[in-house]
């Protein structure tokens, strides 16, 4: 089971509407439950975001470097880490 720290959960709560048409979580606990259910991952760099999409076979339409971070599934935690949520 993944453990998401408070920074990750706050980031998701504050930015969830970039991926979903309505809020899927209102509290830190709901956010953690949701992220665990959808197998969200936290990675430590842009390169790891790219590697994740490649491993999953997700076509990023030639996006490179920072462009990958524009994907709706990618949330910038603000400390150099990124949360990836597959909807």
PDB file of N, CA and C in Angstrom:
ATOM      1  N   UNK A   1       0.839  -1.196   0.000  1.00  0.00           N
ATOM      2  CA  UNK A   1       0.000   0.000   0.000  1.00  0.00           C
ATOM      3  C   UNK A   1       0.882   1.258   0.000  1.00  0.00           C
ATOM      4  N   UNK A   2       0.488   2.220  -0.769  1.00  0.00           N
ATOM      5  CA  UNK A   2       1.256   3.462  -0.841  1.00  0.00           C
ATOM      6  C   UNK A   2       0.958   4.343   0.377  1.00  0.00           C
ATOM      7  N   UNK A   3       1.948   5.082   0.783  1.00  0.00           N
ATOM      8  CA  UNK A   3       1.715   6.093   1.806  1.00  0.00           C
ATOM      9  C   UNK A   3       1.956   7.453   1.158  1.00  0.00           C
ATOM     10  N   UNK A   4       0.934   8.262   1.124  1.00  0.00           N
ATOM     11  CA  UNK A   4       1.051   9.597   0.563  1.00  0.00           C
ATOM     12  C   UNK A   4       1.189  10.582   1.711  1.00  0.00           C
ATOM     13  N   UNK A   5       2.234  11.425   1.670  1.00  0.00           N
ATOM     14  CA  UNK A   5       2.418  12.375   2.759  1.00  0.00           C
ATOM     15  C   UNK A   5       1.469  13.564   2.598  1.00  0.00           C
ATOM     16  N   UNK A   6       1.440  14.412   3.599  1.00  0.00           N
ATOM     17  CA  UNK A   6       0.483  15.516   3.625  1.00  0.00           C
ATOM     18  C   UNK A   6       0.668  16.468   2.439  1.00  0.00           C
ATOM     19  N   UNK A   7       1.911  16.700   2.015  1.00  0.00           N
ATOM     20  CA  UNK A   7       2.153  17.580   0.867  1.00  0.00           C
ATOM     21  C   UNK A   7       1.483  17.036  -0.392  1.00  0.00           C
ATOM     22  N   UNK A   8       1.597  15.732  -0.594  1.00  0.00           N
ATOM     23  CA  UNK A   8       0.997  15.089  -1.763  1.00  0.00           C
ATOM     24  C   UNK A   8      -0.529  15.209  -1.697  1.00  0.00           C
ATOM     25  N   UNK A   9      -1.083  14.909  -0.528  1.00  0.00           N
ATOM     26  CA  UNK A   9      -2.538  14.947  -0.369  1.00  0.00           C
ATOM     27  C   UNK A   9      -3.084  16.361  -0.546  1.00  0.00           C
ATOM     28  N   UNK A  10      -2.391  17.351   0.024  1.00  0.00           N
ATOM     29  CA  UNK A  10      -2.821  18.753  -0.120  1.00  0.00           C
ATOM     30  C   UNK A  10      -2.775  19.175  -1.590  1.00  0.00           C
ATOM     31  N   UNK A  11      -1.707  18.781  -2.267  1.00  0.00           N
ATOM     32  CA  UNK A  11      -1.557  19.105  -3.686  1.00  0.00           C
ATOM     33  C   UNK A  11      -2.739  18.541  -4.471  1.00  0.00           C
ATOM     34  N   UNK A  12      -3.062  17.276  -4.224  1.00  0.00           N
ATOM     35  CA  UNK A  12      -4.173  16.652  -4.948  1.00  0.00           C
ATOM     36  C   UNK A  12      -5.498  17.342  -4.620  1.00  0.00           C
ATOM     37  N   UNK A  13      -5.756  17.594  -3.346  1.00  0.00           N
ATOM     38  CA  UNK A  13      -7.010  18.253  -2.961  1.00  0.00           C
ATOM     39  C   UNK A  13      -7.150  19.616  -3.641  1.00  0.00           C
ATOM     40  N   UNK A  14      -6.050  20.368  -3.689  1.00  0.00           N
ATOM     41  CA  UNK A  14      -6.095  21.717  -4.260  1.00  0.00           C
ATOM     42  C   UNK A  14      -6.186  21.731  -5.781  1.00  0.00           C
ATOM     43  N   UNK A  15      -5.735  20.658  -6.433  1.00  0.00           N
ATOM     44  CA  UNK A  15      -5.639  20.674  -7.897  1.00  0.00           C
ATOM     45  C   UNK A  15      -6.469  19.601  -8.595  1.00  0.00           C
ATOM     46  N   UNK A  16      -7.286  18.863  -7.854  1.00  0.00           N
ATOM     47  CA  UNK A  16      -7.998  17.724  -8.446  1.00  0.00           C
ATOM     48  C   UNK A  16      -8.890  18.098  -9.626  1.00  0.00           C
ATOM     49  N   UNK A  17      -9.360  19.336  -9.682  1.00  0.00           N
ATOM     50  CA  UNK A  17     -10.258  19.731 -10.767  1.00  0.00           C
ATOM     51  C   UNK A  17      -9.545  19.850 -12.112  1.00  0.00           C
ATOM     52  N   UNK A  18      -8.200  19.796 -12.115  1.00  0.00           N
ATOM     53  CA  UNK A  18      -7.490  19.808 -13.403  1.00  0.00           C
ATOM     54  C   UNK A  18      -7.712  18.481 -14.133  1.00  0.00           C
ATOM     55  N   UNK A  19      -8.076  17.433 -13.390  1.00  0.00           N
ATOM     56  CA  UNK A  19      -8.244  16.106 -13.978  1.00  0.00           C
ATOM     57  C   UNK A  19      -9.695  15.644 -13.969  1.00  0.00           C
ATOM     58  N   UNK A  20     -10.435  16.060 -12.967  1.00  0.00           N
ATOM     59  CA  UNK A  20     -11.811  15.583 -12.811  1.00  0.00           C
ATOM     60  C   UNK A  20     -12.806  16.732 -12.930  1.00  0.00           C
ATOM     61  N   UNK A  21     -13.999  16.455 -13.493  1.00  0.00           N
ATOM     62  CA  UNK A  21     -14.989  17.522 -13.665  1.00  0.00           C
ATOM     63  C   UNK A  21     -15.565  18.019 -12.345  1.00  0.00           C
ATOM     64  N   UNK A  22     -15.501  17.196 -11.304  1.00  0.00           N
ATOM     65  CA  UNK A  22     -15.945  17.622  -9.975  1.00  0.00           C
ATOM     66  C   UNK A  22     -15.030  16.993  -8.938  1.00  0.00           C
ATOM     67  N   UNK A  23     -15.065  17.531  -7.740  1.00  0.00           N
ATOM     68  CA  UNK A  23     -14.172  17.040  -6.686  1.00  0.00           C
ATOM     69  C   UNK A  23     -14.465  15.573  -6.372  1.00  0.00           C
ATOM     70  N   UNK A  24     -13.392  14.811  -6.204  1.00  0.00           N
ATOM     71  CA  UNK A  24     -13.517  13.399  -5.831  1.00  0.00           C
ATOM     72  C   UNK A  24     -13.151  13.195  -4.367  1.00  0.00           C
ATOM     73  N   UNK A  25     -12.600  14.232  -3.732  1.00  0.00           N
ATOM     74  CA  UNK A  25     -12.212  14.141  -2.319  1.00  0.00           C
ATOM     75  C   UNK A  25     -12.346  15.521  -1.675  1.00  0.00           C
ATOM     76  N   UNK A  26     -12.779  15.519  -0.418  1.00  0.00           N
ATOM     77  CA  UNK A  26     -12.924  16.766   0.340  1.00  0.00           C
ATOM     78  C   UNK A  26     -11.944  16.867   1.495  1.00  0.00           C
ATOM     79  N   UNK A  27     -11.461  15.710   1.962  1.00  0.00           N
ATOM     80  CA  UNK A  27     -10.563  15.687   3.123  1.00  0.00           C
ATOM     81  C   UNK A  27      -9.266  14.974   2.759  1.00  0.00           C
ATOM     82  N   UNK A  28      -8.246  15.116   3.602  1.00  0.00           N
ATOM     83  CA  UNK A  28      -6.985  14.410   3.382  1.00  0.00           C
ATOM     84  C   UNK A  28      -7.203  12.898   3.358  1.00  0.00           C
ATOM     85  N   UNK A  29      -8.063  12.416   4.250  1.00  0.00           N
ATOM     86  CA  UNK A  29      -8.328  10.975   4.310  1.00  0.00           C
ATOM     87  C   UNK A  29      -9.002  10.487   3.030  1.00  0.00           C
ATOM     88  N   UNK A  30      -9.987  11.234   2.532  1.00  0.00           N
ATOM     89  CA  UNK A  30     -10.650  10.863   1.274  1.00  0.00           C
ATOM     90  C   UNK A  30      -9.669  10.907   0.113  1.00  0.00           C
ATOM     91  N   UNK A  31      -8.791  11.901   0.122  1.00  0.00           N
ATOM     92  CA  UNK A  31      -7.785  12.011  -0.945  1.00  0.00           C
ATOM     93  C   UNK A  31      -6.864  10.793  -0.918  1.00  0.00           C
ATOM     94  N   UNK A  32      -6.414  10.406   0.276  1.00  0.00           N
ATOM     95  CA  UNK A  32      -5.530   9.246   0.385  1.00  0.00           C
ATOM     96  C   UNK A  32      -6.228   7.980  -0.094  1.00  0.00           C
ATOM     97  N   UNK A  33      -7.473   7.781   0.324  1.00  0.00           N
ATOM     98  CA  UNK A  33      -8.238   6.602  -0.108  1.00  0.00           C
ATOM     99  C   UNK A  33      -8.372   6.582  -1.632  1.00  0.00           C
ATOM    100  N   UNK A  34      -8.699   7.729  -2.205  1.00  0.00           N
ATOM    101  CA  UNK A  34      -8.883   7.815  -3.655  1.00  0.00           C
ATOM    102  C   UNK A  34      -7.577   7.506  -4.385  1.00  0.00           C
ATOM    103  N   UNK A  35      -6.482   8.110  -3.936  1.00  0.00           N
ATOM    104  CA  UNK A  35      -5.195   7.911  -4.605  1.00  0.00           C
ATOM    105  C   UNK A  35      -4.738   6.455  -4.500  1.00  0.00           C
ATOM    106  N   UNK A  36      -5.000   5.824  -3.368  1.00  0.00           N
ATOM    107  CA  UNK A  36      -4.645   4.407  -3.223  1.00  0.00           C
ATOM    108  C   UNK A  36      -5.488   3.548  -4.152  1.00  0.00           C
ATOM    109  N   UNK A  37      -6.779   3.860  -4.249  1.00  0.00           N
ATOM    110  CA  UNK A  37      -7.679   3.100  -5.109  1.00  0.00           C
ATOM    111  C   UNK A  37      -7.260   3.149  -6.569  1.00  0.00           C
ATOM    112  N   UNK A  38      -6.848   4.318  -7.036  1.00  0.00           N
ATOM    113  CA  UNK A  38      -6.507   4.433  -8.459  1.00  0.00           C
ATOM    114  C   UNK A  38      -5.018   4.235  -8.719  1.00  0.00           C
ATOM    115  N   UNK A  39      -4.307   3.703  -7.716  1.00  0.00           N
ATOM    116  CA  UNK A  39      -2.903   3.342  -7.894  1.00  0.00           C
ATOM    117  C   UNK A  39      -2.041   4.526  -8.331  1.00  0.00           C
ATOM    118  N   UNK A  40      -2.289   5.677  -7.753  1.00  0.00           N
ATOM    119  CA  UNK A  40      -1.486   6.865  -8.062  1.00  0.00           C
ATOM    120  C   UNK A  40      -0.049   6.632  -7.598  1.00  0.00           C
ATOM    121  N   UNK A  41       0.878   7.312  -8.255  1.00  0.00           N
ATOM    122  CA  UNK A  41       2.282   7.171  -7.880  1.00  0.00           C
ATOM    123  C   UNK A  41       2.920   8.540  -7.702  1.00  0.00           C
ATOM    124  N   UNK A  42       3.942   8.581  -6.852  1.00  0.00           N
ATOM    125  CA  UNK A  42       4.730   9.790  -6.653  1.00  0.00           C
ATOM    126  C   UNK A  42       6.118   9.510  -7.204  1.00  0.00           C
ATOM    127  N   UNK A  43       6.602  10.405  -8.072  1.00  0.00           N
ATOM    128  CA  UNK A  43       7.943  10.254  -8.636  1.00  0.00           C
ATOM    129  C   UNK A  43       8.762  11.490  -8.303  1.00  0.00           C
ATOM    130  N   UNK A  44      10.083  11.362  -8.452  1.00  0.00           N
ATOM    131  CA  UNK A  44      10.994  12.402  -7.977  1.00  0.00           C
ATOM    132  C   UNK A  44      11.534  13.356  -9.029  1.00  0.00           C
ATOM    133  N   UNK A  45      11.134  13.178 -10.307  1.00  0.00           N
ATOM    134  CA  UNK A  45      11.683  14.059 -11.333  1.00  0.00           C
ATOM    135  C   UNK A  45      10.847  14.012 -12.602  1.00  0.00           C
ATOM    136  N   UNK A  46      11.085  14.990 -13.474  1.00  0.00           N
ATOM    137  CA  UNK A  46      10.430  15.021 -14.786  1.00  0.00           C
ATOM    138  C   UNK A  46      10.781  13.748 -15.558  1.00  0.00           C
ATOM    139  N   UNK A  47      12.030  13.315 -15.443  1.00  0.00           N
ATOM    140  CA  UNK A  47      12.462  12.109 -16.157  1.00  0.00           C
ATOM    141  C   UNK A  47      11.664  10.889 -15.697  1.00  0.00           C
ATOM    142  N   UNK A  48      11.384  10.822 -14.399  1.00  0.00           N
ATOM    143  CA  UNK A  48      10.602   9.695 -13.886  1.00  0.00           C
ATOM    144  C   UNK A  48       9.152   9.763 -14.355  1.00  0.00           C
ATOM    145  N   UNK A  49       8.619  10.978 -14.527  1.00  0.00           N
ATOM    146  CA  UNK A  49       7.267  11.129 -15.086  1.00  0.00           C
ATOM    147  C   UNK A  49       7.261  10.551 -16.504  1.00  0.00           C
ATOM    148  N   UNK A  50       8.255  10.930 -17.311  1.00  0.00           N
ATOM    149  CA  UNK A  50       8.353  10.453 -18.692  1.00  0.00           C
ATOM    150  C   UNK A  50       8.499   8.928 -18.723  1.00  0.00           C
ATOM    151  N   UNK A  51       9.345   8.404 -17.847  1.00  0.00           N
ATOM    152  CA  UNK A  51       9.562   6.957 -17.795  1.00  0.00           C
ATOM    153  C   UNK A  51       8.273   6.233 -17.419  1.00  0.00           C
ATOM    154  N   UNK A  52       7.506   6.799 -16.492  1.00  0.00           N
ATOM    155  CA  UNK A  52       6.247   6.195 -16.080  1.00  0.00           C
ATOM    156  C   UNK A  52       5.295   6.096 -17.268  1.00  0.00           C
ATOM    157  N   UNK A  53       5.132   7.201 -18.008  1.00  0.00           N
ATOM    158  CA  UNK A  53       4.223   7.192 -19.152  1.00  0.00           C
ATOM    159  C   UNK A  53       4.690   6.195 -20.208  1.00  0.00           C
ATOM    160  N   UNK A  54       6.004   6.121 -20.403  1.00  0.00           N
ATOM    161  CA  UNK A  54       6.541   5.179 -21.383  1.00  0.00           C
ATOM    162  C   UNK A  54       6.256   3.739 -20.964  1.00  0.00           C
ATOM    163  N   UNK A  55       6.500   3.434 -19.680  1.00  0.00           N
ATOM    164  CA  UNK A  55       6.243   2.088 -19.156  1.00  0.00           C
ATOM    165  C   UNK A  55       4.778   1.702 -19.281  1.00  0.00           C
ATOM    166  N   UNK A  56       3.900   2.668 -19.071  1.00  0.00           N
ATOM    167  CA  UNK A  56       2.468   2.409 -19.129  1.00  0.00           C
ATOM    168  C   UNK A  56       1.956   2.374 -20.573  1.00  0.00           C
ATOM    169  N   UNK A  57       2.836   2.709 -21.511  1.00  0.00           N
ATOM    170  CA  UNK A  57       2.432   2.714 -22.913  1.00  0.00           C
ATOM    171  C   UNK A  57       1.530   3.875 -23.269  1.00  0.00           C
ATOM    172  N   UNK A  58       1.627   4.963 -22.521  1.00  0.00           N
ATOM    173  CA  UNK A  58       0.794   6.136 -22.775  1.00  0.00           C
ATOM    174  C   UNK A  58       1.514   7.043 -23.763  1.00  0.00           C
ATOM    175  N   UNK A  59       0.868   7.307 -24.879  1.00  0.00           N
ATOM    176  CA  UNK A  59       1.462   8.142 -25.921  1.00  0.00           C
ATOM    177  C   UNK A  59       1.357   9.601 -25.509  1.00  0.00           C
ATOM    178  N   UNK A  60       2.496  10.232 -25.328  1.00  0.00           N
ATOM    179  CA  UNK A  60       2.503  11.642 -24.945  1.00  0.00           C
ATOM    180  C   UNK A  60       2.618  12.552 -26.174  1.00  0.00           C
ATOM    181  N   UNK A  61       2.341  11.990 -27.349  1.00  0.00           N
ATOM    182  CA  UNK A  61       2.330  12.761 -28.593  1.00  0.00           C
ATOM    183  C   UNK A  61       3.590  13.593 -28.767  1.00  0.00           C
ATOM    184  N   UNK A  62       4.724  12.984 -28.501  1.00  0.00           N
ATOM    185  CA  UNK A  62       5.993  13.664 -28.728  1.00  0.00           C
ATOM    186  C   UNK A  62       6.358  14.696 -27.675  1.00  0.00           C
ATOM    187  N   UNK A  63       5.608  14.754 -26.603  1.00  0.00           N
ATOM    188  CA  UNK A  63       5.919  15.718 -25.542  1.00  0.00           C
ATOM    189  C   UNK A  63       7.275  15.375 -24.940  1.00  0.00           C
ATOM    190  N   UNK A  64       8.085  16.390 -24.723  1.00  0.00           N
ATOM    191  CA  UNK A  64       9.405  16.170 -24.126  1.00  0.00           C
ATOM    192  C   UNK A  64       9.605  17.110 -22.950  1.00  0.00           C
ATOM    193  N   UNK A  65      10.451  16.692 -22.025  1.00  0.00           N
ATOM    194  CA  UNK A  65      10.811  17.541 -20.896  1.00  0.00           C
ATOM    195  C   UNK A  65       9.602  18.107 -20.176  1.00  0.00           C
ATOM    196  N   UNK A  66       9.627  19.413 -19.999  1.00  0.00           N
ATOM    197  CA  UNK A  66       8.587  20.091 -19.220  1.00  0.00           C
ATOM    198  C   UNK A  66       7.184  19.930 -19.815  1.00  0.00           C
ATOM    199  N   UNK A  67       7.094  19.692 -21.132  1.00  0.00           N
ATOM    200  CA  UNK A  67       5.769  19.532 -21.764  1.00  0.00           C
ATOM    201  C   UNK A  67       4.986  18.390 -21.129  1.00  0.00           C
ATOM    202  N   UNK A  68       5.703  17.361 -20.684  1.00  0.00           N
ATOM    203  CA  UNK A  68       5.045  16.206 -20.073  1.00  0.00           C
ATOM    204  C   UNK A  68       4.279  16.629 -18.825  1.00  0.00           C
ATOM    205  N   UNK A  69       4.781  17.648 -18.151  1.00  0.00           N
ATOM    206  CA  UNK A  69       4.146  18.107 -16.915  1.00  0.00           C
ATOM    207  C   UNK A  69       2.813  18.795 -17.167  1.00  0.00           C
ATOM    208  N   UNK A  70       2.507  19.094 -18.428  1.00  0.00           N
ATOM    209  CA  UNK A  70       1.233  19.726 -18.750  1.00  0.00           C
ATOM    210  C   UNK A  70       0.098  18.717 -18.824  1.00  0.00           C
ATOM    211  N   UNK A  71       0.416  17.426 -18.792  1.00  0.00           N
ATOM    212  CA  UNK A  71      -0.623  16.394 -18.825  1.00  0.00           C
ATOM    213  C   UNK A  71      -1.529  16.560 -17.602  1.00  0.00           C
ATOM    214  N   UNK A  72      -2.830  16.411 -17.816  1.00  0.00           N
ATOM    215  CA  UNK A  72      -3.789  16.577 -16.714  1.00  0.00           C
ATOM    216  C   UNK A  72      -3.525  15.609 -15.561  1.00  0.00           C
ATOM    217  N   UNK A  73      -2.933  14.453 -15.861  1.00  0.00           N
ATOM    218  CA  UNK A  73      -2.694  13.436 -14.835  1.00  0.00           C
ATOM    219  C   UNK A  73      -1.515  13.755 -13.935  1.00  0.00           C
ATOM    220  N   UNK A  74      -0.731  14.779 -14.285  1.00  0.00           N
ATOM    221  CA  UNK A  74       0.487  15.091 -13.540  1.00  0.00           C
ATOM    222  C   UNK A  74       0.255  16.305 -12.634  1.00  0.00           C
ATOM    223  N   UNK A  75       0.512  16.111 -11.358  1.00  0.00           N
ATOM    224  CA  UNK A  75       0.351  17.174 -10.364  1.00  0.00           C
ATOM    225  C   UNK A  75       1.722  17.517  -9.800  1.00  0.00           C
ATOM    226  N   UNK A  76       2.108  18.790  -9.872  1.00  0.00           N
ATOM    227  CA  UNK A  76       3.389  19.257  -9.337  1.00  0.00           C
ATOM    228  C   UNK A  76       3.228  19.488  -7.838  1.00  0.00           C
ATOM    229  N   UNK A  77       3.887  18.681  -7.034  1.00  0.00           N
ATOM    230  CA  UNK A  77       3.753  18.779  -5.582  1.00  0.00           C
ATOM    231  C   UNK A  77       4.426  20.046  -5.064  1.00  0.00           C
ATOM    232  N   UNK A  78       5.419  20.526  -5.801  1.00  0.00           N
ATOM    233  CA  UNK A  78       6.049  21.795  -5.425  1.00  0.00           C
ATOM    234  C   UNK A  78       7.400  21.636  -4.754  1.00  0.00           C
ATOM    235  N   UNK A  79       7.807  20.396  -4.508  1.00  0.00           N
ATOM    236  CA  UNK A  79       9.087  20.160  -3.853  1.00  0.00           C
ATOM    237  C   UNK A  79      10.011  19.326  -4.739  1.00  0.00           C
ATOM    238  N   UNK A  80       9.725  19.324  -6.047  1.00  0.00           N
ATOM    239  CA  UNK A  80      10.520  18.541  -6.971  1.00  0.00           C
ATOM    240  C   UNK A  80       9.905  17.183  -7.300  1.00  0.00           C
ATOM    241  N   UNK A  81       8.867  16.823  -6.541  1.00  0.00           N
ATOM    242  CA  UNK A  81       8.172  15.557  -6.795  1.00  0.00           C
ATOM    243  C   UNK A  81       6.895  15.807  -7.587  1.00  0.00           C
ATOM    244  N   UNK A  82       6.418  14.737  -8.224  1.00  0.00           N
ATOM    245  CA  UNK A  82       5.192  14.826  -9.010  1.00  0.00           C
ATOM    246  C   UNK A  82       4.286  13.652  -8.667  1.00  0.00           C
ATOM    247  N   UNK A  83       3.004  13.944  -8.582  1.00  0.00           N
ATOM    248  CA  UNK A  83       1.982  12.933  -8.367  1.00  0.00           C
ATOM    249  C   UNK A  83       1.373  12.617  -9.718  1.00  0.00           C
ATOM    250  N   UNK A  84       1.281  11.323 -10.054  1.00  0.00           N
ATOM    251  CA  UNK A  84       0.644  10.910 -11.304  1.00  0.00           C
ATOM    252  C   UNK A  84      -0.611  10.120 -10.950  1.00  0.00           C
ATOM    253  N   UNK A  85      -1.742  10.587 -11.456  1.00  0.00           N
ATOM    254  CA  UNK A  85      -3.029   9.966 -11.181  1.00  0.00           C
ATOM    255  C   UNK A  85      -3.624   9.512 -12.499  1.00  0.00           C
ATOM    256  N   UNK A  86      -3.811   8.216 -12.643  1.00  0.00           N
ATOM    257  CA  UNK A  86      -4.446   7.711 -13.860  1.00  0.00           C
ATOM    258  C   UNK A  86      -5.948   7.653 -13.627  1.00  0.00           C
ATOM    259  N   UNK A  87      -6.664   8.452 -14.381  1.00  0.00           N
ATOM    260  CA  UNK A  87      -8.123   8.533 -14.189  1.00  0.00           C
ATOM    261  C   UNK A  87      -8.821   7.346 -14.836  1.00  0.00           C
TER     262      UNK A  87
END
